[in-house]
Amino acid sequence: MSERARRFFWGHTLTQALAAAARWYGVEPGELGYRVREKRHGFIKVRRPVVIEVDPEAPRRPAGTAASAAVEAAGEASSLRARAREERPPHSPAPRRDAGGAEPGRRREPHAAQQQDVRRAPTRRPHAHEPEAEPWHAPDEESALAVAEAARRLLRLAGLDLVARARLTPERLEVELAGPDEGRLPALGLPFLDHLEHLLPRAARQLSGKLVRVRLEGAGLRAEREQELRAEARAGAERVLASGREELLGPLDPGERRIVHLELADRPGISTESVGTGLLKRLRIVPAPGGTGQDRP
């Protein structure tokens, strides 16, 4: 085979290379004469194309020469493709479909999910990380000891040398802070007591297993605030009685609103009610002849 007459064909496999050469010369792959020039080889497993060369002057292999298994496989594949082309029906346009994807005249079956009764909404189950609201328990000696120990740990984390003394009442534990760092409490202010008062019941629950209400006092800050609220409530009531117009106080937390409600509960001619949503609400003092001062929802 001369250098000028050589022609090369390639494929990812020998079968593909033989099929390409057979199509070029118009012969069956089993009748093709060829020589493999490049194939997969080498220590590193790299996929290389298979290259064969065919003599254009003698593309058929000599008669009586056995064909390889790859050549026979390529010939069978070529015959199957030719037979499939002959048996393929004439091209017909695809049927038109409506906007929902169904053919005209054919009833569209609903999706399996749509066959369910949509009126039956599944009941939502709470996730595992969504704890249910825990009820408040009546305070007892065990919860008082737990609150005192929880307060000691929290105060140590805050860097304060204080001791918490808990006193039992029917509704809650009255906790008072005292010790060498008591003089630092006025600088920290009521927000510090509010935050500690919020944490104490949760921390004590880890020790006693019960959630009890706590009222925290330190350096007289709560008592001073209560006196201010009572004075503000009485002054507001006087203005409402004098002008006949309602007045708003706050925003106040639940404990502060309770102090105002109780202060004006027996005041004739006015009533009080909470306004708003959330923890902090305004407190409205309204003129009400014969009013009892009870908090209206």
C-alpha atoms as a PDB file:
ATOM      1  CA  MET A   1       0.000   0.000   0.000  1.00  0.00           C
ATOM      2  CA  SER A   2       1.560   3.246  -1.114  1.00  0.00           C
ATOM      3  CA  GLU A   3       1.832   6.283   1.162  1.00  0.00           C
ATOM      4  CA  ARG A   4      -0.261   8.320  -1.267  1.00  0.00           C
ATOM      5  CA  ALA A   5      -3.143   5.842  -1.406  1.00  0.00           C
ATOM      6  CA  ARG A   6      -3.656   5.334   2.324  1.00  0.00           C
ATOM      7  CA  ARG A   7      -6.949   6.439   3.913  1.00  0.00           C
ATOM      8  CA  PHE A   8      -7.643   6.433   7.649  1.00  0.00           C
ATOM      9  CA  PHE A   9     -10.855   5.974   9.659  1.00  0.00           C
ATOM     10  CA  TRP A  10     -11.320   6.141  13.409  1.00  0.00           C
ATOM     11  CA  GLY A  11     -13.839   5.540  16.196  1.00  0.00           C
ATOM     12  CA  HIS A  12     -13.956   5.055  19.916  1.00  0.00           C
ATOM     13  CA  THR A  13     -14.049   1.312  19.254  1.00  0.00           C
ATOM     14  CA  LEU A  14     -12.912  -0.910  16.402  1.00  0.00           C
ATOM     15  CA  THR A  15     -16.543  -1.562  15.493  1.00  0.00           C
ATOM     16  CA  GLN A  16     -17.163   2.181  15.046  1.00  0.00           C
ATOM     17  CA  ALA A  17     -14.040   2.592  12.912  1.00  0.00           C
ATOM     18  CA  LEU A  18     -15.011  -0.340  10.691  1.00  0.00           C
ATOM     19  CA  ALA A  19     -18.557   0.950  10.299  1.00  0.00           C
ATOM     20  CA  ALA A  20     -17.243   4.358   9.194  1.00  0.00           C
ATOM     21  CA  ALA A  21     -14.946   2.783   6.607  1.00  0.00           C
ATOM     22  CA  ALA A  22     -17.678   0.448   5.335  1.00  0.00           C
ATOM     23  CA  ARG A  23     -20.050   3.373   4.780  1.00  0.00           C
ATOM     24  CA  TRP A  24     -17.321   5.251   2.886  1.00  0.00           C
ATOM     25  CA  TYR A  25     -16.602   2.402   0.458  1.00  0.00           C
ATOM     26  CA  GLY A  26     -20.145   1.041   0.281  1.00  0.00           C
ATOM     27  CA  VAL A  27     -19.248  -2.470   1.441  1.00  0.00           C
ATOM     28  CA  GLU A  28     -20.218  -4.630   4.375  1.00  0.00           C
ATOM     29  CA  PRO A  29     -17.868  -4.367   7.365  1.00  0.00           C
ATOM     30  CA  GLY A  30     -17.284  -8.108   7.157  1.00  0.00           C
ATOM     31  CA  GLU A  31     -15.809  -7.698   3.633  1.00  0.00           C
ATOM     32  CA  LEU A  32     -13.486  -4.831   4.580  1.00  0.00           C
ATOM     33  CA  GLY A  33      -9.722  -5.143   4.431  1.00  0.00           C
ATOM     34  CA  TYR A  34      -7.977  -2.953   6.986  1.00  0.00           C
ATOM     35  CA  ARG A  35      -5.014  -2.538   9.272  1.00  0.00           C
ATOM     36  CA  VAL A  36      -5.178  -1.200  12.860  1.00  0.00           C
ATOM     37  CA  ARG A  37      -2.829   1.751  13.222  1.00  0.00           C
ATOM     38  CA  GLU A  38      -3.631   2.998  16.771  1.00  0.00           C
ATOM     39  CA  LYS A  39      -5.599   1.602  19.700  1.00  0.00           C
ATOM     40  CA  ARG A  40      -5.775   1.723  23.498  1.00  0.00           C
ATOM     41  CA  HIS A  41      -2.387   1.032  24.941  1.00  0.00           C
ATOM     42  CA  GLY A  42       0.122   2.185  27.508  1.00  0.00           C
ATOM     43  CA  PHE A  43       0.555   1.783  31.252  1.00  0.00           C
ATOM     44  CA  ILE A  44      -1.870   4.624  32.053  1.00  0.00           C
ATOM     45  CA  LYS A  45      -5.416   3.725  31.164  1.00  0.00           C
ATOM     46  CA  VAL A  46      -6.204   6.578  28.793  1.00  0.00           C
ATOM     47  CA  ARG A  47      -9.029   6.234  26.312  1.00  0.00           C
ATOM     48  CA  ARG A  48      -7.590   6.635  22.804  1.00  0.00           C
ATOM     49  CA  PRO A  49      -9.420   6.450  19.471  1.00  0.00           C
ATOM     50  CA  VAL A  50      -9.026   3.346  17.317  1.00  0.00           C
ATOM     51  CA  VAL A  51      -7.548   4.229  13.912  1.00  0.00           C
ATOM     52  CA  ILE A  52      -7.555   1.870  10.918  1.00  0.00           C
ATOM     53  CA  GLU A  53      -6.197   2.347   7.425  1.00  0.00           C
ATOM     54  CA  VAL A  54      -7.762   1.000   4.259  1.00  0.00           C
ATOM     55  CA  ASP A  55      -6.243   0.750   0.805  1.00  0.00           C
ATOM     56  CA  PRO A  56      -8.613   2.609  -1.544  1.00  0.00           C
ATOM     57  CA  GLU A  57      -7.415   0.465  -4.441  1.00  0.00           C
ATOM     58  CA  ALA A  58      -8.380  -2.755  -2.603  1.00  0.00           C
ATOM     59  CA  PRO A  59     -10.879  -2.001   0.148  1.00  0.00           C
ATOM     60  CA  ARG A  60     -12.177  -5.590   0.280  1.00  0.00           C
ATOM     61  CA  ARG A  61     -10.201  -8.256   2.074  1.00  0.00           C
ATOM     62  CA  PRO A  62      -9.018 -11.228  -0.010  1.00  0.00           C
ATOM     63  CA  ALA A  63     -11.534 -14.005  -0.494  1.00  0.00           C
ATOM     64  CA  GLY A  64     -11.191 -16.900   1.917  1.00  0.00           C
ATOM     65  CA  THR A  65      -9.708 -14.725   4.703  1.00  0.00           C
ATOM     66  CA  ALA A  66     -11.590 -15.065   7.998  1.00  0.00           C
ATOM     67  CA  ALA A  67     -13.062 -11.908   9.426  1.00  0.00           C
ATOM     68  CA  SER A  68     -12.438 -10.945  13.041  1.00  0.00           C
ATOM     69  CA  ALA A  69     -15.208 -10.968  15.657  1.00  0.00           C
ATOM     70  CA  ALA A  70     -15.200  -7.178  15.700  1.00  0.00           C
ATOM     71  CA  VAL A  71     -15.683  -7.063  11.931  1.00  0.00           C
ATOM     72  CA  GLU A  72     -18.570  -9.531  12.139  1.00  0.00           C
ATOM     73  CA  ALA A  73     -20.181  -7.485  14.950  1.00  0.00           C
ATOM     74  CA  ALA A  74     -19.817  -4.305  12.911  1.00  0.00           C
ATOM     75  CA  GLY A  75     -21.356  -6.005   9.884  1.00  0.00           C
ATOM     76  CA  GLU A  76     -24.311  -7.249  11.917  1.00  0.00           C
ATOM     77  CA  ALA A  77     -24.876  -3.780  13.399  1.00  0.00           C
ATOM     78  CA  SER A  78     -24.744  -2.185   9.956  1.00  0.00           C
ATOM     79  CA  SER A  79     -27.294  -4.704   8.635  1.00  0.00           C
ATOM     80  CA  LEU A  80     -29.630  -4.048  11.538  1.00  0.00           C
ATOM     81  CA  ARG A  81     -29.452  -0.289  10.978  1.00  0.00           C
ATOM     82  CA  ALA A  82     -30.182  -0.690   7.270  1.00  0.00           C
ATOM     83  CA  ARG A  83     -33.122  -2.973   7.992  1.00  0.00           C
ATOM     84  CA  ALA A  84     -34.509  -0.498  10.523  1.00  0.00           C
ATOM     85  CA  ARG A  85     -34.305   2.319   7.969  1.00  0.00           C
ATOM     86  CA  GLU A  86     -36.215   0.245   5.415  1.00  0.00           C
ATOM     87  CA  GLU A  87     -38.956  -0.700   7.888  1.00  0.00           C
ATOM     88  CA  ARG A  88     -39.310   2.813   9.322  1.00  0.00           C
ATOM     89  CA  PRO A  89     -42.756   4.282   8.438  1.00  0.00           C
ATOM     90  CA  PRO A  90     -42.976   7.588   6.579  1.00  0.00           C
ATOM     91  CA  HIS A  91     -42.566  10.644   8.741  1.00  0.00           C
ATOM     92  CA  SER A  92     -45.857  11.959  10.113  1.00  0.00           C
ATOM     93  CA  PRO A  93     -46.290  15.182  12.034  1.00  0.00           C
ATOM     94  CA  ALA A  94     -46.695  14.883  15.784  1.00  0.00           C
ATOM     95  CA  PRO A  95     -50.301  15.250  16.977  1.00  0.00           C
ATOM     96  CA  ARG A  96     -51.252  18.677  18.218  1.00  0.00           C
ATOM     97  CA  ARG A  97     -51.761  19.029  21.929  1.00  0.00           C
ATOM     98  CA  ASP A  98     -53.746  21.446  23.969  1.00  0.00           C
ATOM     99  CA  ALA A  99     -52.379  23.828  26.588  1.00  0.00           C
ATOM    100  CA  GLY A 100     -52.508  21.069  29.191  1.00  0.00           C
ATOM    101  CA  GLY A 101     -50.464  18.639  27.077  1.00  0.00           C
ATOM    102  CA  ALA A 102     -53.332  16.320  26.055  1.00  0.00           C
ATOM    103  CA  GLU A 103     -54.161  15.294  22.494  1.00  0.00           C
ATOM    104  CA  PRO A 104     -57.440  16.612  21.020  1.00  0.00           C
ATOM    105  CA  GLY A 105     -60.338  14.212  21.495  1.00  0.00           C
ATOM    106  CA  ARG A 106     -58.551  12.281  24.208  1.00  0.00           C
ATOM    107  CA  ARG A 107     -59.638  12.567  27.814  1.00  0.00           C
ATOM    108  CA  ARG A 108     -56.800  13.742  29.956  1.00  0.00           C
ATOM    109  CA  GLU A 109     -56.357  11.628  33.063  1.00  0.00           C
ATOM    110  CA  PRO A 110     -55.731  13.645  36.227  1.00  0.00           C
ATOM    111  CA  HIS A 111     -52.414  13.364  37.930  1.00  0.00           C
ATOM    112  CA  ALA A 112     -52.253  10.911  40.815  1.00  0.00           C
ATOM    113  CA  ALA A 113     -51.760  13.750  43.272  1.00  0.00           C
ATOM    114  CA  GLN A 114     -54.804  15.539  41.811  1.00  0.00           C
ATOM    115  CA  GLN A 115     -56.998  12.468  42.263  1.00  0.00           C
ATOM    116  CA  GLN A 116     -56.839  12.899  46.030  1.00  0.00           C
ATOM    117  CA  ASP A 117     -59.552  14.830  47.790  1.00  0.00           C
ATOM    118  CA  VAL A 118     -58.071  18.308  48.115  1.00  0.00           C
ATOM    119  CA  ARG A 119     -60.644  19.216  50.707  1.00  0.00           C
ATOM    120  CA  ARG A 120     -58.978  16.987  53.250  1.00  0.00           C
ATOM    121  CA  ALA A 121     -56.023  19.042  54.402  1.00  0.00           C
ATOM    122  CA  PRO A 122     -53.433  16.992  56.316  1.00  0.00           C
ATOM    123  CA  THR A 123     -53.226  17.670  60.011  1.00  0.00           C
ATOM    124  CA  ARG A 124     -50.015  19.504  60.824  1.00  0.00           C
ATOM    125  CA  ARG A 125     -47.942  17.762  63.429  1.00  0.00           C
ATOM    126  CA  PRO A 126     -45.504  19.785  65.500  1.00  0.00           C
ATOM    127  CA  HIS A 127     -41.838  19.202  64.812  1.00  0.00           C
ATOM    128  CA  ALA A 128     -39.645  17.593  67.403  1.00  0.00           C
ATOM    129  CA  HIS A 129     -37.878  20.922  68.026  1.00  0.00           C
ATOM    130  CA  GLU A 130     -41.166  22.711  68.771  1.00  0.00           C
ATOM    131  CA  PRO A 131     -41.752  22.110  72.495  1.00  0.00           C
ATOM    132  CA  GLU A 132     -45.260  22.457  73.840  1.00  0.00           C
ATOM    133  CA  ALA A 133     -46.026  25.289  76.257  1.00  0.00           C
ATOM    134  CA  GLU A 134     -45.165  24.189  79.782  1.00  0.00           C
ATOM    135  CA  PRO A 135     -47.564  25.121  82.597  1.00  0.00           C
ATOM    136  CA  TRP A 136     -46.489  27.187  85.565  1.00  0.00           C
ATOM    137  CA  HIS A 137     -46.311  25.388  88.913  1.00  0.00           C
ATOM    138  CA  ALA A 138     -47.089  26.654  92.390  1.00  0.00           C
ATOM    139  CA  PRO A 139     -43.860  27.487  94.228  1.00  0.00           C
ATOM    140  CA  ASP A 140     -42.618  25.171  96.978  1.00  0.00           C
ATOM    141  CA  GLU A 141     -39.485  24.603  99.057  1.00  0.00           C
ATOM    142  CA  GLU A 142     -37.815  22.546  96.361  1.00  0.00           C
ATOM    143  CA  SER A 143     -38.356  25.203  93.684  1.00  0.00           C
ATOM    144  CA  ALA A 144     -37.122  27.894  96.114  1.00  0.00           C
ATOM    145  CA  LEU A 145     -33.843  26.021  96.600  1.00  0.00           C
ATOM    146  CA  ALA A 146     -33.550  25.506  92.824  1.00  0.00           C
ATOM    147  CA  VAL A 147     -34.096  29.224  92.118  1.00  0.00           C
ATOM    148  CA  ALA A 148     -31.492  30.204  94.719  1.00  0.00           C
ATOM    149  CA  GLU A 149     -28.918  27.836  93.196  1.00  0.00           C
ATOM    150  CA  ALA A 150     -29.728  28.931  89.638  1.00  0.00           C
ATOM    151  CA  ALA A 151     -29.374  32.582  90.662  1.00  0.00           C
ATOM    152  CA  ARG A 152     -26.001  31.848  92.255  1.00  0.00           C
ATOM    153  CA  ARG A 153     -24.708  30.344  89.000  1.00  0.00           C
ATOM    154  CA  LEU A 154     -26.057  33.155  86.819  1.00  0.00           C
ATOM    155  CA  LEU A 155     -24.658  35.857  89.107  1.00  0.00           C
ATOM    156  CA  ARG A 156     -21.268  34.172  89.068  1.00  0.00           C
ATOM    157  CA  LEU A 157     -21.334  34.230  85.272  1.00  0.00           C
ATOM    158  CA  ALA A 158     -22.189  37.951  85.452  1.00  0.00           C
ATOM    159  CA  GLY A 159     -19.210  38.549  87.732  1.00  0.00           C
ATOM    160  CA  LEU A 160     -21.334  39.746  90.661  1.00  0.00           C
ATOM    161  CA  ASP A 161     -20.740  38.799  94.292  1.00  0.00           C
ATOM    162  CA  LEU A 162     -24.384  38.554  95.338  1.00  0.00           C
ATOM    163  CA  VAL A 163     -26.608  36.065  97.135  1.00  0.00           C
ATOM    164  CA  ALA A 164     -30.239  35.353  96.177  1.00  0.00           C
ATOM    165  CA  ARG A 165     -32.751  34.774  98.961  1.00  0.00           C
ATOM    166  CA  ALA A 166     -36.102  33.325  97.853  1.00  0.00           C
ATOM    167  CA  ARG A 167     -39.351  33.787  99.802  1.00  0.00           C
ATOM    168  CA  LEU A 168     -42.483  31.759  99.126  1.00  0.00           C
ATOM    169  CA  THR A 169     -45.792  33.429  98.222  1.00  0.00           C
ATOM    170  CA  PRO A 170     -48.940  31.752  96.848  1.00  0.00           C
ATOM    171  CA  GLU A 171     -48.328  33.051  93.313  1.00  0.00           C
ATOM    172  CA  ARG A 172     -44.548  33.283  92.907  1.00  0.00           C
ATOM    173  CA  LEU A 173     -41.130  33.363  94.524  1.00  0.00           C
ATOM    174  CA  GLU A 174     -39.988  36.742  95.779  1.00  0.00           C
ATOM    175  CA  VAL A 175     -36.209  36.763  95.247  1.00  0.00           C
ATOM    176  CA  GLU A 176     -34.003  39.500  96.691  1.00  0.00           C
ATOM    177  CA  LEU A 177     -30.349  40.048  95.808  1.00  0.00           C
ATOM    178  CA  ALA A 178     -27.915  41.179  98.504  1.00  0.00           C
ATOM    179  CA  GLY A 179     -24.172  41.132  98.997  1.00  0.00           C
ATOM    180  CA  PRO A 180     -20.925  43.060  98.453  1.00  0.00           C
ATOM    181  CA  ASP A 181     -21.818  44.045  94.855  1.00  0.00           C
ATOM    182  CA  GLU A 182     -25.298  45.309  95.667  1.00  0.00           C
ATOM    183  CA  GLY A 183     -24.085  48.864  95.063  1.00  0.00           C
ATOM    184  CA  ARG A 184     -23.448  48.010  91.410  1.00  0.00           C
ATOM    185  CA  LEU A 185     -27.097  47.201  90.726  1.00  0.00           C
ATOM    186  CA  PRO A 186     -28.343  50.816  90.324  1.00  0.00           C
ATOM    187  CA  ALA A 187     -25.810  51.321  87.529  1.00  0.00           C
ATOM    188  CA  LEU A 188     -26.998  48.126  85.822  1.00  0.00           C
ATOM    189  CA  GLY A 189     -30.600  49.290  86.232  1.00  0.00           C
ATOM    190  CA  LEU A 190     -33.928  47.569  85.841  1.00  0.00           C
ATOM    191  CA  PRO A 191     -33.071  45.985  82.453  1.00  0.00           C
ATOM    192  CA  PHE A 192     -30.510  43.790  84.204  1.00  0.00           C
ATOM    193  CA  LEU A 193     -33.098  42.646  86.738  1.00  0.00           C
ATOM    194  CA  ASP A 194     -35.627  42.053  83.947  1.00  0.00           C
ATOM    195  CA  HIS A 195     -33.233  39.826  81.998  1.00  0.00           C
ATOM    196  CA  LEU A 196     -32.189  37.892  85.089  1.00  0.00           C
ATOM    197  CA  GLU A 197     -35.820  37.532  86.142  1.00  0.00           C
ATOM    198  CA  HIS A 198     -36.595  36.035  82.723  1.00  0.00           C
ATOM    199  CA  LEU A 199     -33.712  33.544  82.900  1.00  0.00           C
ATOM    200  CA  LEU A 200     -34.175  32.392  86.482  1.00  0.00           C
ATOM    201  CA  PRO A 201     -37.333  30.248  86.020  1.00  0.00           C
ATOM    202  CA  ARG A 202     -35.799  28.470  82.998  1.00  0.00           C
ATOM    203  CA  ALA A 203     -32.504  27.819  84.758  1.00  0.00           C
ATOM    204  CA  ALA A 204     -34.240  26.594  87.925  1.00  0.00           C
ATOM    205  CA  ARG A 205     -36.401  24.213  85.895  1.00  0.00           C
ATOM    206  CA  GLN A 206     -33.255  22.329  84.903  1.00  0.00           C
ATOM    207  CA  LEU A 207     -32.638  21.633  88.612  1.00  0.00           C
ATOM    208  CA  SER A 208     -36.152  20.980  89.946  1.00  0.00           C
ATOM    209  CA  GLY A 209     -38.086  20.044  86.813  1.00  0.00           C
ATOM    210  CA  LYS A 210     -40.760  22.674  87.561  1.00  0.00           C
ATOM    211  CA  LEU A 211     -41.390  26.107  86.098  1.00  0.00           C
ATOM    212  CA  VAL A 212     -42.325  28.708  88.742  1.00  0.00           C
ATOM    213  CA  ARG A 213     -42.844  32.461  88.516  1.00  0.00           C
ATOM    214  CA  VAL A 214     -40.191  34.712  90.019  1.00  0.00           C
ATOM    215  CA  ARG A 215     -40.105  38.364  91.019  1.00  0.00           C
ATOM    216  CA  LEU A 216     -36.557  39.687  91.398  1.00  0.00           C
ATOM    217  CA  GLU A 217     -35.568  42.643  93.562  1.00  0.00           C
ATOM    218  CA  GLY A 218     -32.207  44.252  94.158  1.00  0.00           C
ATOM    219  CA  ALA A 219     -31.053  47.507  95.728  1.00  0.00           C
ATOM    220  CA  GLY A 220     -34.693  48.619  95.959  1.00  0.00           C
ATOM    221  CA  LEU A 221     -34.984  49.136  92.188  1.00  0.00           C
ATOM    222  CA  ARG A 222     -38.340  47.336  91.899  1.00  0.00           C
ATOM    223  CA  ALA A 223     -39.846  49.150  94.874  1.00  0.00           C
ATOM    224  CA  GLU A 224     -38.740  52.497  93.474  1.00  0.00           C
ATOM    225  CA  ARG A 225     -40.243  51.675  90.079  1.00  0.00           C
ATOM    226  CA  GLU A 226     -43.519  50.591  91.680  1.00  0.00           C
ATOM    227  CA  GLN A 227     -43.796  53.876  93.539  1.00  0.00           C
ATOM    228  CA  GLU A 228     -43.242  55.758  90.272  1.00  0.00           C
ATOM    229  CA  LEU A 229     -45.948  53.708  88.515  1.00  0.00           C
ATOM    230  CA  ARG A 230     -48.479  54.251  91.284  1.00  0.00           C
ATOM    231  CA  ALA A 231     -47.815  57.993  91.271  1.00  0.00           C
ATOM    232  CA  GLU A 232     -48.140  58.092  87.474  1.00  0.00           C
ATOM    233  CA  ALA A 233     -51.390  56.119  87.618  1.00  0.00           C
ATOM    234  CA  ARG A 234     -52.935  58.458  90.202  1.00  0.00           C
ATOM    235  CA  ALA A 235     -51.851  61.534  88.237  1.00  0.00           C
ATOM    236  CA  GLY A 236     -53.295  60.079  85.024  1.00  0.00           C
ATOM    237  CA  ALA A 237     -56.572  59.305  86.731  1.00  0.00           C
ATOM    238  CA  GLU A 238     -56.855  62.880  87.997  1.00  0.00           C
ATOM    239  CA  ARG A 239     -56.320  64.238  84.481  1.00  0.00           C
ATOM    240  CA  VAL A 240     -58.957  61.940  83.009  1.00  0.00           C
ATOM    241  CA  LEU A 241     -61.515  62.926  85.642  1.00  0.00           C
ATOM    242  CA  ALA A 242     -60.774  66.603  85.122  1.00  0.00           C
ATOM    243  CA  SER A 243     -60.841  66.615  81.298  1.00  0.00           C
ATOM    244  CA  GLY A 244     -63.200  63.742  80.548  1.00  0.00           C
ATOM    245  CA  ARG A 245     -60.751  62.437  77.930  1.00  0.00           C
ATOM    246  CA  GLU A 246     -58.947  59.123  77.990  1.00  0.00           C
ATOM    247  CA  GLU A 247     -55.206  58.867  78.535  1.00  0.00           C
ATOM    248  CA  LEU A 248     -52.577  56.311  77.559  1.00  0.00           C
ATOM    249  CA  LEU A 249     -49.700  55.121  79.760  1.00  0.00           C
ATOM    250  CA  GLY A 250     -46.760  52.941  78.854  1.00  0.00           C
ATOM    251  CA  PRO A 251     -45.744  50.825  77.050  1.00  0.00           C
ATOM    252  CA  LEU A 252     -45.592  48.577  80.126  1.00  0.00           C
ATOM    253  CA  ASP A 253     -44.805  44.916  80.736  1.00  0.00           C
ATOM    254  CA  PRO A 254     -47.406  42.647  82.373  1.00  0.00           C
ATOM    255  CA  GLY A 255     -46.076  43.230  85.899  1.00  0.00           C
ATOM    256  CA  GLU A 256     -46.101  46.998  85.524  1.00  0.00           C
ATOM    257  CA  ARG A 257     -49.612  46.992  84.054  1.00  0.00           C
ATOM    258  CA  ARG A 258     -50.816  44.910  86.977  1.00  0.00           C
ATOM    259  CA  ILE A 259     -49.488  47.525  89.410  1.00  0.00           C
ATOM    260  CA  VAL A 260     -51.433  50.289  87.624  1.00  0.00           C
ATOM    261  CA  HIS A 261     -54.614  48.203  87.408  1.00  0.00           C
ATOM    262  CA  LEU A 262     -54.511  47.440  91.116  1.00  0.00           C
ATOM    263  CA  GLU A 263     -53.734  51.047  92.027  1.00  0.00           C
ATOM    264  CA  LEU A 264     -56.803  52.344  90.160  1.00  0.00           C
ATOM    265  CA  ALA A 265     -59.109  49.383  90.772  1.00  0.00           C
ATOM    266  CA  ASP A 266     -61.128  51.165  93.489  1.00  0.00           C
ATOM    267  CA  ARG A 267     -61.010  54.609  91.894  1.00  0.00           C
ATOM    268  CA  PRO A 268     -64.575  55.689  90.984  1.00  0.00           C
ATOM    269  CA  GLY A 269     -65.379  57.221  87.605  1.00  0.00           C
ATOM    270  CA  ILE A 270     -62.598  55.554  85.603  1.00  0.00           C
ATOM    271  CA  SER A 271     -61.657  52.171  84.184  1.00  0.00           C
ATOM    272  CA  THR A 272     -58.438  50.777  82.750  1.00  0.00           C
ATOM    273  CA  GLU A 273     -57.726  48.501  79.837  1.00  0.00           C
ATOM    274  CA  SER A 274     -54.671  47.188  78.028  1.00  0.00           C
ATOM    275  CA  VAL A 275     -54.168  48.159  74.399  1.00  0.00           C
ATOM    276  CA  GLY A 276     -51.927  46.501  71.818  1.00  0.00           C
ATOM    277  CA  THR A 277     -50.309  43.119  71.266  1.00  0.00           C
ATOM    278  CA  GLY A 278     -47.171  41.462  72.476  1.00  0.00           C
ATOM    279  CA  LEU A 279     -45.410  41.637  75.809  1.00  0.00           C
ATOM    280  CA  LEU A 280     -45.340  45.417  76.055  1.00  0.00           C
ATOM    281  CA  LYS A 281     -48.740  47.095  75.835  1.00  0.00           C
ATOM    282  CA  ARG A 282     -50.151  50.541  76.472  1.00  0.00           C
ATOM    283  CA  LEU A 283     -52.547  51.042  79.364  1.00  0.00           C
ATOM    284  CA  ARG A 284     -55.593  53.208  78.695  1.00  0.00           C
ATOM    285  CA  ILE A 285     -57.409  55.135  81.428  1.00  0.00           C
ATOM    286  CA  VAL A 286     -60.900  56.063  80.284  1.00  0.00           C
ATOM    287  CA  PRO A 287     -63.700  57.996  82.016  1.00  0.00           C
ATOM    288  CA  ALA A 288     -66.444  55.619  82.984  1.00  0.00           C
ATOM    289  CA  PRO A 289     -69.116  56.751  85.420  1.00  0.00           C
ATOM    290  CA  GLY A 290     -69.462  54.028  87.958  1.00  0.00           C
ATOM    291  CA  GLY A 291     -66.417  52.269  86.531  1.00  0.00           C
ATOM    292  CA  THR A 292     -64.790  49.673  88.732  1.00  0.00           C
ATOM    293  CA  GLY A 293     -61.281  50.108  87.389  1.00  0.00           C
ATOM    294  CA  GLN A 294     -61.152  46.481  86.173  1.00  0.00           C
ATOM    295  CA  ASP A 295     -58.965  45.655  83.170  1.00  0.00           C
ATOM    296  CA  ARG A 296     -61.153  45.148  80.128  1.00  0.00           C
ATOM    297  CA  PRO A 297     -59.976  42.783  77.362  1.00  0.00           C
END
